Amino acid sequence: TLPLFFDEGDELEDEDGELTGVTVNEAPDDND
């Protein structure tokens, strides 16, 4: 369910709320 915590195109923030320059293209996901 990790993809529910990300929106494609969102730029990630660090612990202090600053933008990191890393944008989510495809949320981390797994299946088995």
PDB file of all heavy atoms in Angstrom:
ATOM      1  N   THR A   1       0.819  -1.215   0.000  1.00  0.00           N
ATOM      2  CA  THR A   1       0.000   0.000   0.000  1.00  0.00           C
ATOM      3  C   THR A   1       0.853   1.265   0.000  1.00  0.00           C
ATOM      4  O   THR A   1       0.321   2.366   0.125  1.00  0.00           O
ATOM      5  CB  THR A   1      -0.926   0.018   1.234  1.00  0.00           C
ATOM      6  OG1 THR A   1      -0.121  -0.056   2.424  1.00  0.00           O
ATOM      7  CG2 THR A   1      -1.892  -1.151   1.204  1.00  0.00           C
ATOM      8  N   LEU A   2       2.178   1.124  -0.142  1.00  0.00           N
ATOM      9  CA  LEU A   2       3.048   2.301  -0.154  1.00  0.00           C
ATOM     10  C   LEU A   2       2.671   3.326  -1.228  1.00  0.00           C
ATOM     11  O   LEU A   2       2.811   4.529  -1.002  1.00  0.00           O
ATOM     12  CB  LEU A   2       4.506   1.874  -0.335  1.00  0.00           C
ATOM     13  CG  LEU A   2       5.207   1.305   0.892  1.00  0.00           C
ATOM     14  CD1 LEU A   2       6.613   0.858   0.524  1.00  0.00           C
ATOM     15  CD2 LEU A   2       5.262   2.328   2.014  1.00  0.00           C
ATOM     16  N   PRO A   3       2.210   2.910  -2.430  1.00  0.00           N
ATOM     17  CA  PRO A   3       1.819   3.921  -3.417  1.00  0.00           C
ATOM     18  C   PRO A   3       0.739   4.879  -2.934  1.00  0.00           C
ATOM     19  O   PRO A   3       0.612   5.992  -3.479  1.00  0.00           O
ATOM     20  CB  PRO A   3       1.321   3.077  -4.599  1.00  0.00           C
ATOM     21  CG  PRO A   3       2.087   1.798  -4.495  1.00  0.00           C
ATOM     22  CD  PRO A   3       2.179   1.544  -3.016  1.00  0.00           C
ATOM     23  N   LEU A   4      -0.038   4.493  -1.908  1.00  0.00           N
ATOM     24  CA  LEU A   4      -1.065   5.396  -1.392  1.00  0.00           C
ATOM     25  C   LEU A   4      -0.465   6.598  -0.678  1.00  0.00           C
ATOM     26  O   LEU A   4      -1.140   7.610  -0.487  1.00  0.00           O
ATOM     27  CB  LEU A   4      -1.982   4.632  -0.425  1.00  0.00           C
ATOM     28  CG  LEU A   4      -2.750   3.433  -1.008  1.00  0.00           C
ATOM     29  CD1 LEU A   4      -3.559   2.749   0.084  1.00  0.00           C
ATOM     30  CD2 LEU A   4      -3.659   3.892  -2.139  1.00  0.00           C
ATOM     31  N   PHE A   5       0.810   6.507  -0.286  1.00  0.00           N
ATOM     32  CA  PHE A   5       1.455   7.587   0.446  1.00  0.00           C
ATOM     33  C   PHE A   5       2.190   8.558  -0.478  1.00  0.00           C
ATOM     34  O   PHE A   5       2.815   9.508  -0.010  1.00  0.00           O
ATOM     35  CB  PHE A   5       2.436   7.017   1.473  1.00  0.00           C
ATOM     36  CG  PHE A   5       1.783   6.203   2.541  1.00  0.00           C
ATOM     37  CD1 PHE A   5       1.635   4.829   2.395  1.00  0.00           C
ATOM     38  CD2 PHE A   5       1.291   6.803   3.689  1.00  0.00           C
ATOM     39  CE1 PHE A   5       1.034   4.069   3.383  1.00  0.00           C
ATOM     40  CE2 PHE A   5       0.674   6.051   4.677  1.00  0.00           C
ATOM     41  CZ  PHE A   5       0.544   4.680   4.525  1.00  0.00           C
ATOM     42  N   PHE A   6       2.151   8.318  -1.783  1.00  0.00           N
ATOM     43  CA  PHE A   6       2.852   9.157  -2.739  1.00  0.00           C
ATOM     44  C   PHE A   6       1.904   9.574  -3.857  1.00  0.00           C
ATOM     45  O   PHE A   6       1.016   8.820  -4.241  1.00  0.00           O
ATOM     46  CB  PHE A   6       4.036   8.411  -3.365  1.00  0.00           C
ATOM     47  CG  PHE A   6       5.095   8.007  -2.383  1.00  0.00           C
ATOM     48  CD1 PHE A   6       4.992   6.805  -1.692  1.00  0.00           C
ATOM     49  CD2 PHE A   6       6.200   8.810  -2.168  1.00  0.00           C
ATOM     50  CE1 PHE A   6       5.972   6.416  -0.802  1.00  0.00           C
ATOM     51  CE2 PHE A   6       7.190   8.425  -1.277  1.00  0.00           C
ATOM     52  CZ  PHE A   6       7.077   7.233  -0.590  1.00  0.00           C
ATOM     53  N   ASP A   7       2.121  10.752  -4.396  1.00  0.00           N
ATOM     54  CA  ASP A   7       1.450  11.206  -5.608  1.00  0.00           C
ATOM     55  C   ASP A   7       2.501  11.422  -6.683  1.00  0.00           C
ATOM     56  O   ASP A   7       3.536  12.054  -6.437  1.00  0.00           O
ATOM     57  CB  ASP A   7       0.687  12.511  -5.367  1.00  0.00           C
ATOM     58  CG  ASP A   7      -0.553  12.302  -4.518  1.00  0.00           C
ATOM     59  OD1 ASP A   7      -1.176  11.240  -4.657  1.00  0.00           O
ATOM     60  OD2 ASP A   7      -0.878  13.193  -3.714  1.00  0.00           O
ATOM     61  N   GLU A   8       2.251  10.886  -7.855  1.00  0.00           N
ATOM     62  CA  GLU A   8       3.193  11.055  -8.948  1.00  0.00           C
ATOM     63  C   GLU A   8       3.409  12.539  -9.237  1.00  0.00           C
ATOM     64  O   GLU A   8       2.459  13.314  -9.336  1.00  0.00           O
ATOM     65  CB  GLU A   8       2.671  10.340 -10.199  1.00  0.00           C
ATOM     66  CG  GLU A   8       3.630  10.357 -11.361  1.00  0.00           C
ATOM     67  CD  GLU A   8       3.117   9.563 -12.544  1.00  0.00           C
ATOM     68  OE1 GLU A   8       2.334   8.618 -12.318  1.00  0.00           O
ATOM     69  OE2 GLU A   8       3.495   9.896 -13.676  1.00  0.00           O
ATOM     70  N   GLY A   9       4.652  12.937  -9.333  1.00  0.00           N
ATOM     71  CA  GLY A   9       4.994  14.334  -9.592  1.00  0.00           C
ATOM     72  C   GLY A   9       5.288  15.137  -8.344  1.00  0.00           C
ATOM     73  O   GLY A   9       5.744  16.286  -8.440  1.00  0.00           O
ATOM     74  N   ASP A  10       5.049  14.558  -7.159  1.00  0.00           N
ATOM     75  CA  ASP A  10       5.352  15.265  -5.916  1.00  0.00           C
ATOM     76  C   ASP A  10       6.858  15.326  -5.692  1.00  0.00           C
ATOM     77  O   ASP A  10       7.572  14.343  -5.920  1.00  0.00           O
ATOM     78  CB  ASP A  10       4.699  14.565  -4.725  1.00  0.00           C
ATOM     79  CG  ASP A  10       3.222  14.869  -4.619  1.00  0.00           C
ATOM     80  OD1 ASP A  10       2.730  15.687  -5.415  1.00  0.00           O
ATOM     81  OD2 ASP A  10       2.558  14.270  -3.749  1.00  0.00           O
ATOM     82  N   GLU A  11       7.330  16.472  -5.215  1.00  0.00           N
ATOM     83  CA  GLU A  11       8.732  16.601  -4.834  1.00  0.00           C
ATOM     84  C   GLU A  11       8.848  16.314  -3.342  1.00  0.00           C
ATOM     85  O   GLU A  11       8.119  16.878  -2.522  1.00  0.00           O
ATOM     86  CB  GLU A  11       9.266  17.998  -5.144  1.00  0.00           C
ATOM     87  CG  GLU A  11      10.748  18.138  -4.852  1.00  0.00           C
ATOM     88  CD  GLU A  11      11.319  19.472  -5.327  1.00  0.00           C
ATOM     89  OE1 GLU A  11      10.594  20.222  -6.007  1.00  0.00           O
ATOM     90  OE2 GLU A  11      12.496  19.754  -5.014  1.00  0.00           O
ATOM     91  N   LEU A  12       9.748  15.430  -2.996  1.00  0.00           N
ATOM     92  CA  LEU A  12       9.886  14.994  -1.617  1.00  0.00           C
ATOM     93  C   LEU A  12      10.516  16.082  -0.758  1.00  0.00           C
ATOM     94  O   LEU A  12      11.284  16.916  -1.241  1.00  0.00           O
ATOM     95  CB  LEU A  12      10.736  13.729  -1.545  1.00  0.00           C
ATOM     96  CG  LEU A  12      10.210  12.530  -2.339  1.00  0.00           C
ATOM     97  CD1 LEU A  12      11.181  11.367  -2.249  1.00  0.00           C
ATOM     98  CD2 LEU A  12       8.833  12.116  -1.843  1.00  0.00           C
ATOM     99  N   GLU A  13      10.165  16.039   0.526  1.00  0.00           N
ATOM    100  CA  GLU A  13      10.715  16.981   1.486  1.00  0.00           C
ATOM    101  C   GLU A  13      11.582  16.243   2.494  1.00  0.00           C
ATOM    102  O   GLU A  13      11.382  15.054   2.752  1.00  0.00           O
ATOM    103  CB  GLU A  13       9.588  17.710   2.224  1.00  0.00           C
ATOM    104  CG  GLU A  13       8.691  18.545   1.322  1.00  0.00           C
ATOM    105  CD  GLU A  13       7.582  19.227   2.102  1.00  0.00           C
ATOM    106  OE1 GLU A  13       7.448  18.928   3.311  1.00  0.00           O
ATOM    107  OE2 GLU A  13       6.848  20.039   1.515  1.00  0.00           O
ATOM    108  N   ASP A  14      12.556  16.949   3.081  1.00  0.00           N
ATOM    109  CA  ASP A  14      13.372  16.338   4.115  1.00  0.00           C
ATOM    110  C   ASP A  14      12.701  16.505   5.470  1.00  0.00           C
ATOM    111  O   ASP A  14      11.560  16.981   5.573  1.00  0.00           O
ATOM    112  CB  ASP A  14      14.792  16.918   4.117  1.00  0.00           C
ATOM    113  CG  ASP A  14      14.819  18.414   4.404  1.00  0.00           C
ATOM    114  OD1 ASP A  14      13.825  18.959   4.941  1.00  0.00           O
ATOM    115  OD2 ASP A  14      15.844  19.055   4.086  1.00  0.00           O
ATOM    116  N   GLU A  15      13.411  16.108   6.536  1.00  0.00           N
ATOM    117  CA  GLU A  15      12.824  16.139   7.872  1.00  0.00           C
ATOM    118  C   GLU A  15      12.483  17.554   8.327  1.00  0.00           C
ATOM    119  O   GLU A  15      11.627  17.744   9.190  1.00  0.00           O
ATOM    120  CB  GLU A  15      13.784  15.487   8.865  1.00  0.00           C
ATOM    121  CG  GLU A  15      14.016  14.012   8.591  1.00  0.00           C
ATOM    122  CD  GLU A  15      15.042  13.409   9.530  1.00  0.00           C
ATOM    123  OE1 GLU A  15      15.619  14.166  10.325  1.00  0.00           O
ATOM    124  OE2 GLU A  15      15.257  12.180   9.466  1.00  0.00           O
ATOM    125  N   ASP A  16      13.148  18.547   7.740  1.00  0.00           N
ATOM    126  CA  ASP A  16      12.891  19.938   8.112  1.00  0.00           C
ATOM    127  C   ASP A  16      11.871  20.613   7.208  1.00  0.00           C
ATOM    128  O   ASP A  16      11.648  21.827   7.312  1.00  0.00           O
ATOM    129  CB  ASP A  16      14.205  20.727   8.072  1.00  0.00           C
ATOM    130  CG  ASP A  16      15.233  20.178   9.048  1.00  0.00           C
ATOM    131  OD1 ASP A  16      14.824  19.758  10.138  1.00  0.00           O
ATOM    132  OD2 ASP A  16      16.432  20.171   8.701  1.00  0.00           O
ATOM    133  N   GLY A  17      11.272  19.833   6.306  1.00  0.00           N
ATOM    134  CA  GLY A  17      10.268  20.396   5.413  1.00  0.00           C
ATOM    135  C   GLY A  17      10.838  21.071   4.183  1.00  0.00           C
ATOM    136  O   GLY A  17      10.097  21.695   3.419  1.00  0.00           O
ATOM    137  N   GLU A  18      12.145  20.948   3.946  1.00  0.00           N
ATOM    138  CA  GLU A  18      12.772  21.557   2.778  1.00  0.00           C
ATOM    139  C   GLU A  18      12.669  20.610   1.586  1.00  0.00           C
ATOM    140  O   GLU A  18      12.791  19.388   1.723  1.00  0.00           O
ATOM    141  CB  GLU A  18      14.240  21.869   3.064  1.00  0.00           C
ATOM    142  CG  GLU A  18      14.461  22.834   4.214  1.00  0.00           C
ATOM    143  CD  GLU A  18      13.966  24.234   3.893  1.00  0.00           C
ATOM    144  OE1 GLU A  18      13.980  24.605   2.693  1.00  0.00           O
ATOM    145  OE2 GLU A  18      13.567  24.947   4.827  1.00  0.00           O
ATOM    146  N   LEU A  19      12.467  21.182   0.376  1.00  0.00           N
ATOM    147  CA  LEU A  19      12.398  20.372  -0.827  1.00  0.00           C
ATOM    148  C   LEU A  19      13.762  19.767  -1.137  1.00  0.00           C
ATOM    149  O   LEU A  19      14.797  20.415  -0.966  1.00  0.00           O
ATOM    150  CB  LEU A  19      11.913  21.219  -2.006  1.00  0.00           C
ATOM    151  CG  LEU A  19      10.474  21.744  -1.894  1.00  0.00           C
ATOM    152  CD1 LEU A  19      10.145  22.636  -3.085  1.00  0.00           C
ATOM    153  CD2 LEU A  19       9.478  20.585  -1.808  1.00  0.00           C
ATOM    154  N   THR A  20      13.762  18.524  -1.589  1.00  0.00           N
ATOM    155  CA  THR A  20      15.013  17.788  -1.789  1.00  0.00           C
ATOM    156  C   THR A  20      15.487  17.741  -3.232  1.00  0.00           C
ATOM    157  O   THR A  20      16.606  17.298  -3.495  1.00  0.00           O
ATOM    158  CB  THR A  20      14.838  16.348  -1.304  1.00  0.00           C
ATOM    159  OG1 THR A  20      13.825  15.704  -2.099  1.00  0.00           O
ATOM    160  CG2 THR A  20      14.454  16.317   0.170  1.00  0.00           C
ATOM    161  N   GLY A  21      14.641  18.137  -4.171  1.00  0.00           N
ATOM    162  CA  GLY A  21      15.006  18.005  -5.576  1.00  0.00           C
ATOM    163  C   GLY A  21      14.760  16.615  -6.127  1.00  0.00           C
ATOM    164  O   GLY A  21      15.165  16.304  -7.252  1.00  0.00           O
ATOM    165  N   VAL A  22      14.077  15.772  -5.357  1.00  0.00           N
ATOM    166  CA  VAL A  22      13.739  14.413  -5.788  1.00  0.00           C
ATOM    167  C   VAL A  22      12.236  14.341  -6.014  1.00  0.00           C
ATOM    168  O   VAL A  22      11.452  14.593  -5.091  1.00  0.00           O
ATOM    169  CB  VAL A  22      14.169  13.362  -4.754  1.00  0.00           C
ATOM    170  CG1 VAL A  22      13.794  11.964  -5.235  1.00  0.00           C
ATOM    171  CG2 VAL A  22      15.667  13.451  -4.480  1.00  0.00           C
ATOM    172  N   THR A  23      11.845  14.003  -7.222  1.00  0.00           N
ATOM    173  CA  THR A  23      10.433  13.942  -7.592  1.00  0.00           C
ATOM    174  C   THR A  23      10.020  12.495  -7.828  1.00  0.00           C
ATOM    175  O   THR A  23      10.756  11.727  -8.453  1.00  0.00           O
ATOM    176  CB  THR A  23      10.173  14.761  -8.870  1.00  0.00           C
ATOM    177  OG1 THR A  23      10.568  16.118  -8.641  1.00  0.00           O
ATOM    178  CG2 THR A  23       8.699  14.730  -9.248  1.00  0.00           C
ATOM    179  N   VAL A  24       8.851  12.145  -7.326  1.00  0.00           N
ATOM    180  CA  VAL A  24       8.343  10.780  -7.481  1.00  0.00           C
ATOM    181  C   VAL A  24       7.799  10.594  -8.890  1.00  0.00           C
ATOM    182  O   VAL A  24       6.857  11.274  -9.295  1.00  0.00           O
ATOM    183  CB  VAL A  24       7.242  10.480  -6.451  1.00  0.00           C
ATOM    184  CG1 VAL A  24       6.666   9.086  -6.677  1.00  0.00           C
ATOM    185  CG2 VAL A  24       7.769  10.621  -5.037  1.00  0.00           C
ATOM    186  N   ASN A  25       8.406   9.684  -9.626  1.00  0.00           N
ATOM    187  CA  ASN A  25       7.869   9.281 -10.924  1.00  0.00           C
ATOM    188  C   ASN A  25       6.985   8.043 -10.796  1.00  0.00           C
ATOM    189  O   ASN A  25       5.941   7.942 -11.431  1.00  0.00           O
ATOM    190  CB  ASN A  25       9.003   8.985 -11.907  1.00  0.00           C
ATOM    191  CG  ASN A  25       9.733  10.236 -12.348  1.00  0.00           C
ATOM    192  OD1 ASN A  25       9.242  11.349 -12.186  1.00  0.00           O
ATOM    193  ND2 ASN A  25      10.928  10.061 -12.895  1.00  0.00           N
ATOM    194  N   GLU A  26       7.444   7.103  -9.979  1.00  0.00           N
ATOM    195  CA  GLU A  26       6.688   5.884  -9.706  1.00  0.00           C
ATOM    196  C   GLU A  26       6.913   5.526  -8.245  1.00  0.00           C
ATOM    197  O   GLU A  26       8.053   5.322  -7.820  1.00  0.00           O
ATOM    198  CB  GLU A  26       7.131   4.739 -10.612  1.00  0.00           C
ATOM    199  CG  GLU A  26       6.317   3.470 -10.431  1.00  0.00           C
ATOM    200  CD  GLU A  26       6.725   2.377 -11.409  1.00  0.00           C
ATOM    201  OE1 GLU A  26       7.700   2.583 -12.148  1.00  0.00           O
ATOM    202  OE2 GLU A  26       6.070   1.319 -11.413  1.00  0.00           O
ATOM    203  N   ALA A  27       5.854   5.479  -7.479  1.00  0.00           N
ATOM    204  CA  ALA A  27       5.979   5.237  -6.041  1.00  0.00           C
ATOM    205  C   ALA A  27       6.608   3.877  -5.774  1.00  0.00           C
ATOM    206  O   ALA A  27       6.409   2.929  -6.534  1.00  0.00           O
ATOM    207  CB  ALA A  27       4.608   5.306  -5.374  1.00  0.00           C
ATOM    208  N   PRO A  28       7.390   3.771  -4.689  1.00  0.00           N
ATOM    209  CA  PRO A  28       7.932   2.458  -4.326  1.00  0.00           C
ATOM    210  C   PRO A  28       6.797   1.467  -4.115  1.00  0.00           C
ATOM    211  O   PRO A  28       5.824   1.756  -3.423  1.00  0.00           O
ATOM    212  CB  PRO A  28       8.703   2.739  -3.036  1.00  0.00           C
ATOM    213  CG  PRO A  28       8.172   4.033  -2.521  1.00  0.00           C
ATOM    214  CD  PRO A  28       7.763   4.814  -3.720  1.00  0.00           C
ATOM    215  N   ASP A  29       6.938   0.294  -4.707  1.00  0.00           N
ATOM    216  CA  ASP A  29       5.839  -0.669  -4.716  1.00  0.00           C
ATOM    217  C   ASP A  29       6.422  -2.074  -4.720  1.00  0.00           C
ATOM    218  O   ASP A  29       7.534  -2.308  -5.200  1.00  0.00           O
ATOM    219  CB  ASP A  29       4.985  -0.455  -5.972  1.00  0.00           C
ATOM    220  CG  ASP A  29       3.651  -1.179  -5.896  1.00  0.00           C
ATOM    221  OD1 ASP A  29       3.324  -1.728  -4.828  1.00  0.00           O
ATOM    222  OD2 ASP A  29       2.941  -1.208  -6.925  1.00  0.00           O
ATOM    223  N   ASP A  30       5.677  -3.009  -4.164  1.00  0.00           N
ATOM    224  CA  ASP A  30       6.082  -4.409  -4.215  1.00  0.00           C
ATOM    225  C   ASP A  30       4.850  -5.294  -4.186  1.00  0.00           C
ATOM    226  O   ASP A  30       3.769  -4.871  -3.767  1.00  0.00           O
ATOM    227  CB  ASP A  30       7.045  -4.773  -3.081  1.00  0.00           C
ATOM    228  CG  ASP A  30       6.458  -4.581  -1.692  1.00  0.00           C
ATOM    229  OD1 ASP A  30       5.424  -5.219  -1.380  1.00  0.00           O
ATOM    230  OD2 ASP A  30       7.024  -3.817  -0.900  1.00  0.00           O
ATOM    231  N   ASN A  31       5.013  -6.513  -4.644  1.00  0.00           N
ATOM    232  CA  ASN A  31       3.956  -7.509  -4.588  1.00  0.00           C
ATOM    233  C   ASN A  31       4.602  -8.883  -4.514  1.00  0.00           C
ATOM    234  O   ASN A  31       5.787  -9.059  -4.855  1.00  0.00           O
ATOM    235  CB  ASN A  31       3.000  -7.396  -5.788  1.00  0.00           C
ATOM    236  CG  ASN A  31       3.724  -7.596  -7.107  1.00  0.00           C
ATOM    237  OD1 ASN A  31       4.045  -8.715  -7.497  1.00  0.00           O
ATOM    238  ND2 ASN A  31       3.996  -6.498  -7.811  1.00  0.00           N
ATOM    239  N   ASP A  32       3.860  -9.869  -4.075  1.00  0.00           N
ATOM    240  CA  ASP A  32       4.376 -11.234  -4.010  1.00  0.00           C
ATOM    241  C   ASP A  32       3.224 -12.225  -4.053  1.00  0.00           C
ATOM    242  O   ASP A  32       2.059 -11.870  -3.800  1.00  0.00           O
ATOM    243  CB  ASP A  32       5.232 -11.452  -2.755  1.00  0.00           C
ATOM    244  CG  ASP A  32       4.523 -11.088  -1.462  1.00  0.00           C
ATOM    245  OD1 ASP A  32       3.481 -11.709  -1.160  1.00  0.00           O
ATOM    246  OD2 ASP A  32       4.994 -10.188  -0.758  1.00  0.00           O
TER     247      ASP A  32
END
